[in-house]
Amino acid sequence: MIAPRRFAIAFACIALLSGCSQLEGMATRYRAERMVWDAQRRETQLRIGKQAPDSMTLLRIRAEYQKPRQTFRPPFIEGQGWRVEKLRRDIARQVGKSELTASRIALLARRPDLALESARWVTTIADADTGLQRESDLATVMALRALHRYDEAVGIMRGMLDRYPPLAPRSLDQEDAILGVPDGIIELRADMGDSEKVAEERAYAAAYYRKILAQHPPPLLEAQVRSRLSRTLLEMGDANAAFEEVGTLRKLAQRTPALRSLEPELLFTEARIRGTQKDYKVALAMYDNLVRTHPASSFAARSLLDGAIIAERMGDTAGAVARYRALLARPNIDPGIGAVASYRLAMVKDQMGNWDEAKQILESIPTKYPKSRAGVEAPFAIAEHYDRSRQPDAAKAALLKAVDTYRSMIGFDTVSSYAAVYRWNILRAYTALQRWQDALATVDLMAEKDRGAPIVVEALFEGARIARATGDKARSNLYLQRILFEYPSSPRAAVVRKVLEADARKTPKP
């Protein structure tokens, strides 16, 4: 009788301790929730009356969201058992999400170093919480991008593709964010101006999508993957493979009622394939038909853009202008599409001899679409017009205004991946103006602020050319040596080595 009694007493003690742990965990969870709510309330108070809070205010808000991390330490509560583990995960999620908010606010305060530290700390407490781990990975990527540590950001993103299989959606209007990561990598490389890497990442994306398809996913997930694969193949210039994917996708849609809404996308992709194959009349007719039959679809807007570009190629400027205007008149258009349409409309108007309207459109683009290639190129397009028109004074004034525009864009978002491109265009402007010292000062600034970006190699190379042409060979060699030291795998490296070796041979030995 003694042994069973001892066992019963022990079991009762364990149950009591487990119950205590649960009560403690529930209390801790409540305190964490309350602290997050207090941080949200404090943020509202600090933001009242401020359209754009300054960095100091944002850091005060960040400090509020960091209080849960500073108050509750892993493992958060003692004890064992599935109920305790669930409470532990709940608390970790509350604390982790609060710290991720602190990371986001640190980015707004232009402190990506603090944002990165917060994101990486959340990674240490995420454990088996895949959702929290994903969010911390994304926050880490955002911070690394702001720090211009692009290769590290790409490494994290590729790791996400390996760690997190995409989840099947309940409907087509839902999509696992992981499927957008390959496009995010491509966009990052494109923003950096690295066309060679863009091609590599597109091939990587196609291989990733094919790997998922080889696992025979459910119909809705298969449709989303094939859709992304067909677009990627088109961007790679492989129209035949894209056509094959669209054909497979159409068959899938025909036997799956939940995929009927894919019709606008299928029509759009088929039209793009025709355009890629230079069957312009058929492509244009298909685009126009899509706009008529599915006017509310986002693919109608894309059809207007692609149709306008084809109309340009066919010499139908009036048709191109009509389509660009119809697109820009649509409500809530995608900024990426709007930027391209605005820029091309300005170019067509310039060709038609309506420079005043073209200039007005170009001047509006950096304000409306600052984070776009069109926003980057629009100020230079104005200067180039005056240069073609042989108006040197107007061209010079436009270049000076372009410098002011780019500086304003940098000041608006200093951690944007576009900041390096803005500075590169400032360098281009100063070079065109033959303001050599200002150009070299911009090279020095890029080498420091944008370290790691491929465009910095071009800036250093251009700086070496300018310094050599103005008689400062020592500074020129310093730029060249920096390319070899910091960017040894750059395509420019081979040319740089030859230049430095030639200089070494010409230098008389003592």
Protein backbone atom coordinates (compact mmCIF):
# COMPACT_ATOMS: atom_id res chain seq x y z
CA MET A 1 0.00 0.00 0.00
CA ILE A 2 2.92 2.34 0.64
CA ALA A 3 4.20 2.42 -2.94
CA PRO A 4 0.82 3.22 -4.54
CA ARG A 5 0.25 5.92 -1.92
CA ARG A 6 3.64 7.50 -2.66
CA PHE A 7 2.86 7.32 -6.37
CA ALA A 8 -0.50 9.04 -5.80
CA ILE A 9 1.13 11.75 -3.71
CA ALA A 10 3.83 12.29 -6.35
CA PHE A 11 1.24 12.42 -9.12
CA ALA A 12 -0.80 14.94 -7.12
CA CYS A 13 2.31 17.11 -6.63
CA ILE A 14 3.06 17.00 -10.36
CA ALA A 15 -0.54 17.93 -11.16
CA LEU A 16 -0.38 20.76 -8.63
CA LEU A 17 2.90 22.05 -10.06
CA SER A 18 1.53 21.78 -13.59
CA GLY A 19 -1.55 23.71 -12.55
CA CYS A 20 0.61 26.37 -10.93
CA SER A 21 2.67 26.64 -14.11
CA GLN A 22 -0.48 27.06 -16.18
CA LEU A 23 -1.81 29.77 -13.87
CA GLU A 24 1.55 31.52 -13.91
CA GLY A 25 1.67 31.20 -17.71
CA MET A 26 -1.84 32.61 -18.14
CA ALA A 27 -0.94 35.54 -15.91
CA THR A 28 2.29 36.14 -17.81
CA ARG A 29 0.48 35.96 -21.15
CA TYR A 30 -2.06 38.51 -19.93
CA ARG A 31 0.72 40.85 -18.74
CA ALA A 32 2.47 40.55 -22.11
CA GLU A 33 -0.77 41.28 -23.98
CA ARG A 34 -1.44 44.25 -21.72
CA MET A 35 2.07 45.61 -22.28
CA VAL A 36 1.66 45.40 -26.08
CA TRP A 37 -1.70 47.19 -25.78
CA ASP A 38 -0.04 49.90 -23.66
CA ALA A 39 2.67 50.30 -26.33
CA GLN A 40 0.04 50.72 -29.04
CA ARG A 41 -1.79 53.32 -26.94
CA ARG A 42 1.46 55.18 -26.27
CA GLU A 43 2.30 55.16 -29.97
CA THR A 44 -1.05 56.78 -30.75
CA GLN A 45 -0.36 59.48 -28.15
CA LEU A 46 3.10 60.21 -29.53
CA ARG A 47 1.88 60.38 -33.12
CA ILE A 48 -1.05 62.75 -32.49
CA GLY A 49 -0.62 65.94 -34.47
CA LYS A 50 2.46 64.66 -36.33
CA GLN A 51 2.08 63.64 -39.97
CA ALA A 52 5.65 62.35 -40.04
CA PRO A 53 7.18 61.82 -36.57
CA ASP A 54 10.87 62.67 -36.32
CA SER A 55 13.52 60.06 -35.55
CA MET A 56 13.58 60.84 -31.83
CA THR A 57 9.81 60.34 -31.53
CA LEU A 58 10.01 57.09 -33.47
CA LEU A 59 12.76 55.79 -31.20
CA ARG A 60 10.60 56.61 -28.17
CA ILE A 61 7.80 54.58 -29.74
CA ARG A 62 10.26 51.77 -30.41
CA ALA A 63 11.27 51.76 -26.75
CA GLU A 64 7.64 51.16 -25.77
CA TYR A 65 7.43 48.09 -28.01
CA GLN A 66 10.70 46.76 -26.58
CA LYS A 67 9.35 46.64 -23.03
CA PRO A 68 7.93 43.09 -23.36
CA ARG A 69 11.34 41.79 -24.45
CA GLN A 70 13.01 43.54 -21.55
CA THR A 71 10.40 42.27 -19.07
CA PHE A 72 9.88 38.65 -20.08
CA ARG A 73 12.89 36.37 -20.56
CA PRO A 74 12.93 32.98 -22.32
CA PRO A 75 11.70 30.38 -21.55
CA PHE A 76 9.08 32.82 -20.12
CA ILE A 77 7.48 30.29 -17.72
CA GLU A 78 8.61 27.15 -15.91
CA GLY A 79 7.02 23.74 -16.18
CA GLN A 80 6.30 21.00 -18.70
CA GLY A 81 3.37 19.54 -20.55
CA TRP A 82 1.55 20.51 -23.73
CA ARG A 83 -0.61 23.16 -22.03
CA VAL A 84 2.48 24.87 -20.62
CA GLU A 85 4.21 24.62 -24.00
CA LYS A 86 1.22 26.23 -25.69
CA LEU A 87 1.24 29.10 -23.20
CA ARG A 88 5.00 29.47 -23.72
CA ARG A 89 4.46 29.76 -27.50
CA ASP A 90 1.64 32.27 -26.97
CA ILE A 91 3.88 34.45 -24.81
CA ALA A 92 6.80 34.15 -27.23
CA ARG A 93 4.50 35.24 -30.05
CA GLN A 94 3.29 38.30 -28.11
CA VAL A 95 6.81 39.31 -27.16
CA GLY A 96 8.19 38.50 -30.62
CA LYS A 97 5.53 40.45 -32.53
CA SER A 98 6.09 43.44 -30.27
CA GLU A 99 9.84 43.28 -30.95
CA LEU A 100 9.17 42.98 -34.71
CA THR A 101 7.11 46.17 -34.47
CA ALA A 102 10.12 47.75 -32.76
CA SER A 103 12.23 46.56 -35.71
CA ARG A 104 9.84 48.13 -38.23
CA ILE A 105 9.81 51.42 -36.34
CA ALA A 106 13.61 51.44 -36.15
CA LEU A 107 13.64 51.31 -39.96
CA LEU A 108 11.30 54.29 -40.09
CA ALA A 109 13.69 56.08 -37.71
CA ARG A 110 16.51 55.32 -40.17
CA ARG A 111 18.27 53.01 -37.76
CA PRO A 112 18.52 49.76 -39.73
CA ASP A 113 21.22 48.54 -37.33
CA LEU A 114 18.68 48.52 -34.49
CA ALA A 115 16.07 46.96 -36.78
CA LEU A 116 18.44 44.12 -37.62
CA GLU A 117 19.28 43.44 -33.97
CA SER A 118 15.58 43.22 -33.06
CA ALA A 119 14.74 40.94 -35.99
CA ARG A 120 17.59 38.57 -35.20
CA TRP A 121 16.62 38.43 -31.53
CA VAL A 122 13.11 37.31 -32.48
CA THR A 123 14.68 34.49 -34.49
CA THR A 124 16.21 33.16 -31.27
CA ILE A 125 12.80 32.79 -29.55
CA ALA A 126 10.72 31.61 -32.55
CA ASP A 127 11.68 27.93 -32.15
CA ALA A 128 8.95 25.80 -33.79
CA ASP A 129 6.65 28.78 -34.46
CA THR A 130 7.03 28.84 -38.24
CA GLY A 131 4.86 31.92 -38.61
CA LEU A 132 6.95 33.97 -36.19
CA GLN A 133 10.15 32.64 -37.77
CA ARG A 134 8.97 33.74 -41.20
CA GLU A 135 8.15 37.21 -39.94
CA SER A 136 11.55 37.55 -38.29
CA ASP A 137 13.25 36.42 -41.50
CA LEU A 138 11.35 39.04 -43.50
CA ALA A 139 12.24 41.74 -40.96
CA THR A 140 15.88 40.64 -41.18
CA VAL A 141 15.77 40.97 -44.97
CA MET A 142 14.31 44.48 -44.75
CA ALA A 143 17.03 45.57 -42.33
CA LEU A 144 19.81 44.05 -44.43
CA ARG A 145 18.49 45.81 -47.52
CA ALA A 146 18.49 49.11 -45.66
CA LEU A 147 22.10 48.43 -44.62
CA HIS A 148 22.97 47.70 -48.28
CA ARG A 149 24.02 44.17 -47.34
CA TYR A 150 22.28 42.81 -50.39
CA ASP A 151 24.03 39.48 -50.75
CA GLU A 152 23.18 38.62 -47.14
CA ALA A 153 19.56 39.60 -47.77
CA VAL A 154 19.42 37.33 -50.81
CA GLY A 155 20.97 34.52 -48.75
CA ILE A 156 18.21 34.83 -46.12
CA MET A 157 15.53 34.89 -48.82
CA ARG A 158 16.89 31.79 -50.51
CA GLY A 159 17.04 30.08 -47.13
CA MET A 160 13.35 30.88 -46.65
CA LEU A 161 12.55 29.08 -49.89
CA ASP A 162 14.29 25.98 -48.53
CA ARG A 163 12.76 26.15 -45.04
CA TYR A 164 9.14 27.09 -45.70
CA PRO A 165 7.16 25.02 -48.22
CA PRO A 166 4.30 27.15 -49.64
CA LEU A 167 0.91 26.47 -48.10
CA ALA A 168 -2.05 25.59 -50.31
CA PRO A 169 -4.60 28.45 -50.36
CA ARG A 170 -8.32 28.14 -49.67
CA SER A 171 -9.10 30.34 -52.68
CA LEU A 172 -7.19 31.96 -55.55
CA ASP A 173 -7.29 35.42 -53.96
CA GLN A 174 -5.10 34.06 -51.14
CA GLU A 175 -1.45 33.28 -51.74
CA ASP A 176 1.35 32.21 -49.44
CA ALA A 177 3.84 35.08 -49.28
CA ILE A 178 6.69 32.61 -49.76
CA LEU A 179 5.76 32.31 -53.45
CA GLY A 180 6.59 35.99 -53.89
CA VAL A 181 10.11 35.66 -52.46
CA PRO A 182 11.77 34.75 -55.81
CA ASP A 183 10.28 37.90 -57.37
CA GLY A 184 11.52 39.85 -54.35
CA ILE A 185 15.05 38.62 -54.99
CA ILE A 186 14.80 39.56 -58.68
CA GLU A 187 13.46 43.00 -57.79
CA LEU A 188 16.33 43.52 -55.35
CA ARG A 189 18.91 42.65 -58.00
CA ALA A 190 17.15 44.92 -60.51
CA ASP A 191 17.12 47.83 -58.04
CA MET A 192 20.86 47.34 -57.65
CA GLY A 193 21.29 47.61 -61.42
CA ASP A 194 22.84 44.13 -61.59
CA SER A 195 21.46 42.75 -64.89
CA GLU A 196 23.70 39.67 -64.78
CA LYS A 197 22.40 38.69 -61.35
CA VAL A 198 18.82 39.39 -62.46
CA ALA A 199 19.19 36.74 -65.17
CA GLU A 200 20.65 34.29 -62.63
CA GLU A 201 17.82 34.89 -60.16
CA ARG A 202 15.17 34.39 -62.84
CA ALA A 203 16.69 31.01 -63.68
CA TYR A 204 16.77 30.20 -59.95
CA ALA A 205 13.09 31.21 -59.62
CA ALA A 206 12.07 29.00 -62.55
CA ALA A 207 13.92 26.05 -61.02
CA TYR A 208 12.22 26.70 -57.65
CA TYR A 209 8.74 26.75 -59.17
CA ARG A 210 9.44 23.57 -61.15
CA LYS A 211 10.64 21.88 -57.98
CA ILE A 212 7.29 22.63 -56.31
CA LEU A 213 5.36 21.34 -59.33
CA ALA A 214 7.35 18.10 -59.25
CA GLN A 215 5.82 17.46 -55.81
CA HIS A 216 2.28 17.43 -57.33
CA PRO A 217 0.71 20.20 -55.19
CA PRO A 218 -3.09 20.63 -54.81
CA PRO A 219 -4.85 22.32 -57.78
CA LEU A 220 -5.04 25.87 -56.39
CA LEU A 221 -1.40 25.91 -55.33
CA GLU A 222 -0.40 24.32 -58.64
CA ALA A 223 -2.27 27.08 -60.49
CA GLN A 224 -0.49 29.83 -58.54
CA VAL A 225 2.90 28.24 -59.11
CA ARG A 226 2.32 27.66 -62.84
CA SER A 227 1.12 31.24 -63.17
CA ARG A 228 4.34 32.57 -61.63
CA LEU A 229 6.45 30.15 -63.64
CA SER A 230 4.88 31.23 -66.94
CA ARG A 231 5.56 34.92 -66.14
CA THR A 232 9.14 34.13 -65.17
CA LEU A 233 9.71 32.18 -68.38
CA LEU A 234 8.37 35.09 -70.41
CA GLU A 235 10.76 37.48 -68.65
CA MET A 236 13.56 35.04 -69.50
CA GLY A 237 12.52 35.23 -73.16
CA ASP A 238 11.44 31.60 -73.38
CA ALA A 239 8.05 32.10 -75.06
CA ASN A 240 7.66 28.45 -76.07
CA ALA A 241 8.09 27.15 -72.51
CA ALA A 242 5.76 29.88 -71.23
CA PHE A 243 3.13 28.87 -73.82
CA GLU A 244 3.41 25.25 -72.68
CA GLU A 245 2.84 26.26 -69.04
CA VAL A 246 -0.19 28.37 -69.98
CA GLY A 247 -1.65 25.45 -71.91
CA THR A 248 -1.26 23.17 -68.89
CA LEU A 249 -2.74 25.85 -66.65
CA ARG A 250 -5.76 26.27 -68.93
CA LYS A 251 -6.45 22.53 -68.83
CA LEU A 252 -6.18 22.60 -65.03
CA ALA A 253 -8.64 25.52 -64.88
CA GLN A 254 -11.13 23.69 -67.13
CA ARG A 255 -11.34 20.71 -64.79
CA THR A 256 -11.24 22.73 -61.54
CA PRO A 257 -14.30 24.97 -60.93
CA ALA A 258 -12.44 27.02 -58.28
CA LEU A 259 -9.99 28.19 -60.98
CA ARG A 260 -12.54 29.83 -63.30
CA SER A 261 -11.36 33.28 -62.17
CA LEU A 262 -8.00 32.59 -63.83
CA GLU A 263 -9.41 33.42 -67.26
CA PRO A 264 -8.19 37.10 -67.38
CA GLU A 265 -4.67 36.07 -66.41
CA LEU A 266 -4.63 33.29 -68.99
CA LEU A 267 -5.80 35.67 -71.72
CA PHE A 268 -3.20 38.24 -70.68
CA THR A 269 -0.34 35.74 -70.67
CA GLU A 270 -1.37 34.36 -74.06
CA ALA A 271 -1.40 37.90 -75.45
CA ARG A 272 2.06 38.59 -74.00
CA ILE A 273 3.39 35.45 -75.62
CA ARG A 274 2.03 36.65 -78.98
CA GLY A 275 3.72 40.00 -78.41
CA THR A 276 7.01 38.32 -77.53
CA GLN A 277 6.73 36.40 -80.81
CA LYS A 278 6.18 39.78 -82.60
CA ASP A 279 2.68 38.82 -83.71
CA TYR A 280 1.64 42.35 -82.84
CA LYS A 281 -1.79 42.58 -84.50
CA VAL A 282 -3.06 39.43 -82.81
CA ALA A 283 -1.54 40.44 -79.46
CA LEU A 284 -3.12 43.89 -79.63
CA ALA A 285 -6.53 42.44 -80.46
CA MET A 286 -6.24 40.03 -77.52
CA TYR A 287 -5.30 42.86 -75.12
CA ASP A 288 -8.20 45.02 -76.29
CA ASN A 289 -10.60 42.10 -75.96
CA LEU A 290 -9.45 41.47 -72.37
CA VAL A 291 -10.03 45.13 -71.46
CA ARG A 292 -13.59 44.90 -72.87
CA THR A 293 -14.53 41.57 -71.33
CA HIS A 294 -12.82 41.93 -67.93
CA PRO A 295 -12.61 45.70 -67.28
CA ALA A 296 -12.38 45.38 -63.47
CA SER A 297 -9.49 42.89 -63.55
CA SER A 298 -5.97 44.02 -62.66
CA PHE A 299 -4.94 42.34 -65.90
CA ALA A 300 -7.01 44.90 -67.80
CA ALA A 301 -4.60 47.58 -66.57
CA ARG A 302 -1.62 45.50 -67.63
CA SER A 303 -3.26 44.90 -70.98
CA LEU A 304 -3.65 48.65 -71.51
CA LEU A 305 0.05 49.15 -70.79
CA ASP A 306 1.29 46.33 -73.00
CA GLY A 307 -1.21 47.26 -75.71
CA ALA A 308 0.02 50.86 -75.69
CA ILE A 309 3.63 49.71 -76.06
CA ILE A 310 2.68 47.50 -79.01
CA ALA A 311 0.74 50.40 -80.56
CA GLU A 312 3.93 52.47 -80.32
CA ARG A 313 5.88 49.77 -82.12
CA MET A 314 3.26 49.66 -84.85
CA GLY A 315 3.49 53.44 -85.33
CA ASP A 316 0.01 54.10 -83.92
CA THR A 317 0.89 57.00 -81.59
CA ALA A 318 -2.75 58.06 -81.17
CA GLY A 319 -3.69 54.52 -80.12
CA ALA A 320 -0.75 54.43 -77.69
CA VAL A 321 -1.72 57.76 -76.11
CA ALA A 322 -5.36 56.68 -75.76
CA ARG A 323 -4.34 53.49 -73.95
CA TYR A 324 -1.86 55.24 -71.65
CA ARG A 325 -4.50 57.82 -70.72
CA ALA A 326 -7.12 55.12 -70.10
CA LEU A 327 -4.69 53.32 -67.83
CA LEU A 328 -3.70 56.42 -65.84
CA ALA A 329 -7.38 57.32 -65.41
CA ARG A 330 -8.12 54.02 -63.65
CA PRO A 331 -8.54 54.21 -59.86
CA ASN A 332 -5.84 52.81 -57.59
CA ILE A 333 -3.47 51.71 -60.35
CA ASP A 334 -0.38 49.77 -59.40
CA PRO A 335 2.52 52.26 -58.93
CA GLY A 336 4.88 50.12 -61.00
CA ILE A 337 2.47 50.19 -63.96
CA GLY A 338 1.60 53.86 -63.46
CA ALA A 339 5.25 54.88 -63.46
CA VAL A 340 5.99 53.11 -66.75
CA ALA A 341 2.82 54.43 -68.40
CA SER A 342 3.57 58.01 -67.35
CA TYR A 343 7.14 57.89 -68.61
CA ARG A 344 6.22 56.35 -71.96
CA LEU A 345 3.33 58.78 -72.43
CA ALA A 346 5.79 61.65 -71.92
CA MET A 347 8.15 60.16 -74.50
CA VAL A 348 5.33 59.79 -77.06
CA LYS A 349 4.17 63.35 -76.40
CA ASP A 350 7.72 64.59 -76.93
CA GLN A 351 7.94 62.71 -80.23
CA MET A 352 4.62 64.25 -81.29
CA GLY A 353 6.07 67.73 -80.66
CA ASN A 354 4.10 68.48 -77.49
CA TRP A 355 7.09 69.16 -75.24
CA ASP A 356 5.26 71.30 -72.68
CA GLU A 357 2.93 68.44 -71.76
CA ALA A 358 5.76 65.90 -71.91
CA LYS A 359 7.87 68.01 -69.54
CA GLN A 360 4.97 68.44 -67.13
CA ILE A 361 4.48 64.66 -66.99
CA LEU A 362 8.20 63.99 -66.50
CA GLU A 363 8.45 66.51 -63.67
CA SER A 364 5.56 64.81 -61.86
CA ILE A 365 6.97 61.27 -62.00
CA PRO A 366 9.64 61.54 -59.23
CA THR A 367 6.99 62.88 -56.86
CA LYS A 368 4.32 60.32 -57.74
CA TYR A 369 6.59 57.32 -58.22
CA PRO A 370 9.91 57.95 -56.41
CA LYS A 371 10.78 54.26 -56.06
CA SER A 372 10.71 53.41 -59.74
CA ARG A 373 13.08 53.34 -62.69
CA ALA A 374 10.88 55.96 -64.34
CA GLY A 375 11.27 58.22 -61.29
CA VAL A 376 15.03 57.80 -61.52
CA GLU A 377 15.27 58.53 -65.26
CA ALA A 378 12.65 61.28 -65.64
CA PRO A 379 14.88 64.22 -64.54
CA PHE A 380 17.60 63.11 -66.97
CA ALA A 381 15.05 62.74 -69.78
CA ILE A 382 14.33 66.48 -69.50
CA ALA A 383 18.01 67.35 -69.77
CA GLU A 384 18.44 64.98 -72.71
CA HIS A 385 15.56 66.68 -74.56
CA TYR A 386 17.28 70.04 -74.29
CA ASP A 387 20.58 68.50 -75.31
CA ARG A 388 18.98 67.03 -78.46
CA SER A 389 17.32 70.39 -79.13
CA ARG A 390 20.72 72.14 -78.88
CA GLN A 391 19.68 74.30 -75.94
CA PRO A 392 22.82 74.07 -73.77
CA ASP A 393 21.70 76.58 -71.15
CA ALA A 394 18.37 74.81 -70.65
CA ALA A 395 20.15 71.44 -70.52
CA LYS A 396 22.53 72.75 -67.85
CA ALA A 397 19.64 74.14 -65.80
CA ALA A 398 17.81 70.80 -66.11
CA LEU A 399 20.88 68.90 -64.87
CA LEU A 400 21.21 71.19 -61.85
CA LYS A 401 17.51 70.72 -61.12
CA ALA A 402 17.99 66.95 -61.49
CA VAL A 403 20.67 67.04 -58.78
CA ASP A 404 18.26 68.86 -56.45
CA THR A 405 15.52 66.35 -57.27
CA TYR A 406 17.73 63.34 -56.51
CA ARG A 407 18.91 64.89 -53.25
CA SER A 408 15.32 65.48 -52.25
CA MET A 409 14.47 61.85 -53.03
CA ILE A 410 17.41 60.64 -50.93
CA GLY A 411 16.34 62.86 -48.06
CA PHE A 412 12.82 61.43 -48.22
CA ASP A 413 14.09 57.86 -47.68
CA THR A 414 17.79 57.54 -46.92
CA VAL A 415 17.66 53.75 -46.45
CA SER A 416 15.90 52.99 -49.75
CA SER A 417 17.74 50.67 -52.13
CA TYR A 418 17.18 53.43 -54.69
CA ALA A 419 19.44 55.83 -52.77
CA ALA A 420 22.52 54.39 -54.51
CA VAL A 421 20.89 54.90 -57.91
CA TYR A 422 19.96 58.48 -57.02
CA ARG A 423 23.57 59.20 -56.06
CA TRP A 424 24.78 57.54 -59.27
CA ASN A 425 22.60 59.93 -61.26
CA ILE A 426 23.97 62.85 -59.29
CA LEU A 427 27.41 61.67 -60.38
CA ARG A 428 26.19 61.44 -63.98
CA ALA A 429 24.83 65.00 -63.76
CA TYR A 430 28.02 66.46 -62.32
CA THR A 431 30.06 64.63 -64.97
CA ALA A 432 27.89 66.06 -67.75
CA LEU A 433 28.29 69.51 -66.17
CA GLN A 434 32.07 68.95 -65.97
CA ARG A 435 32.01 69.75 -62.25
CA TRP A 436 34.82 67.31 -61.58
CA GLN A 437 35.34 67.93 -57.86
CA ASP A 438 31.63 67.56 -57.14
CA ALA A 439 31.63 64.37 -59.19
CA LEU A 440 34.59 62.93 -57.25
CA ALA A 441 32.99 63.92 -53.93
CA THR A 442 29.90 61.95 -55.01
CA VAL A 443 32.10 58.93 -55.81
CA ASP A 444 33.56 59.12 -52.29
CA LEU A 445 30.07 59.36 -50.80
CA MET A 446 28.83 56.34 -52.75
CA ALA A 447 31.89 54.29 -51.79
CA GLU A 448 31.02 54.91 -48.15
CA LYS A 449 27.19 55.04 -48.10
CA ASP A 450 26.44 52.39 -50.71
CA ARG A 451 29.22 49.91 -50.08
CA GLY A 452 28.34 46.51 -51.48
CA ALA A 453 26.06 47.73 -54.26
CA PRO A 454 27.30 46.75 -57.75
CA ILE A 455 26.70 50.30 -59.00
CA VAL A 456 29.47 51.49 -56.66
CA VAL A 457 31.97 49.62 -58.86
CA GLU A 458 30.83 51.74 -61.81
CA ALA A 459 31.09 54.87 -59.67
CA LEU A 460 34.65 54.02 -58.59
CA PHE A 461 35.60 53.22 -62.18
CA GLU A 462 34.14 56.50 -63.40
CA GLY A 463 35.88 58.31 -60.55
CA ALA A 464 39.19 56.74 -61.60
CA ARG A 465 38.64 57.94 -65.16
CA ILE A 466 37.80 61.49 -64.04
CA ALA A 467 40.70 61.68 -61.59
CA ARG A 468 43.16 60.45 -64.23
CA ALA A 469 41.82 62.89 -66.83
CA THR A 470 42.21 65.80 -64.40
CA GLY A 471 45.78 64.86 -63.49
CA ASP A 472 45.20 63.15 -60.14
CA LYS A 473 46.68 59.74 -60.94
CA ALA A 474 47.17 58.82 -57.26
CA ARG A 475 43.46 59.25 -56.56
CA SER A 476 42.62 57.33 -59.73
CA ASN A 477 44.75 54.38 -58.64
CA LEU A 478 43.21 54.50 -55.18
CA TYR A 479 39.74 54.06 -56.70
CA LEU A 480 40.97 51.19 -58.88
CA GLN A 481 42.63 49.46 -55.95
CA ARG A 482 39.43 49.80 -53.95
CA ILE A 483 37.55 47.96 -56.71
CA LEU A 484 40.00 45.05 -56.49
CA PHE A 485 39.94 44.99 -52.70
CA GLU A 486 36.18 45.37 -52.10
CA TYR A 487 34.74 43.94 -55.34
CA PRO A 488 37.21 41.28 -56.54
CA SER A 489 34.54 39.29 -58.42
CA SER A 490 33.26 42.30 -60.37
CA PRO A 491 33.42 42.11 -64.18
CA ARG A 492 35.45 45.35 -64.00
CA ALA A 493 38.18 43.67 -61.94
CA ALA A 494 40.02 42.19 -64.95
CA VAL A 495 40.22 45.57 -66.70
CA VAL A 496 41.35 47.25 -63.48
CA ARG A 497 44.19 44.76 -63.01
CA LYS A 498 45.43 45.42 -66.55
CA VAL A 499 45.41 49.19 -65.98
CA LEU A 500 47.31 48.92 -62.69
CA GLU A 501 49.80 46.42 -64.17
CA ALA A 502 50.43 48.75 -67.13
CA ASP A 503 51.03 51.62 -64.71
CA ALA A 504 53.44 49.49 -62.71
CA ARG A 505 55.45 48.71 -65.84
CA LYS A 506 55.65 52.39 -66.78
CA THR A 507 56.80 53.46 -63.31
CA PRO A 508 60.61 53.78 -63.31
CA LYS A 509 62.37 51.58 -60.78
CA PRO A 510 64.56 53.40 -58.22
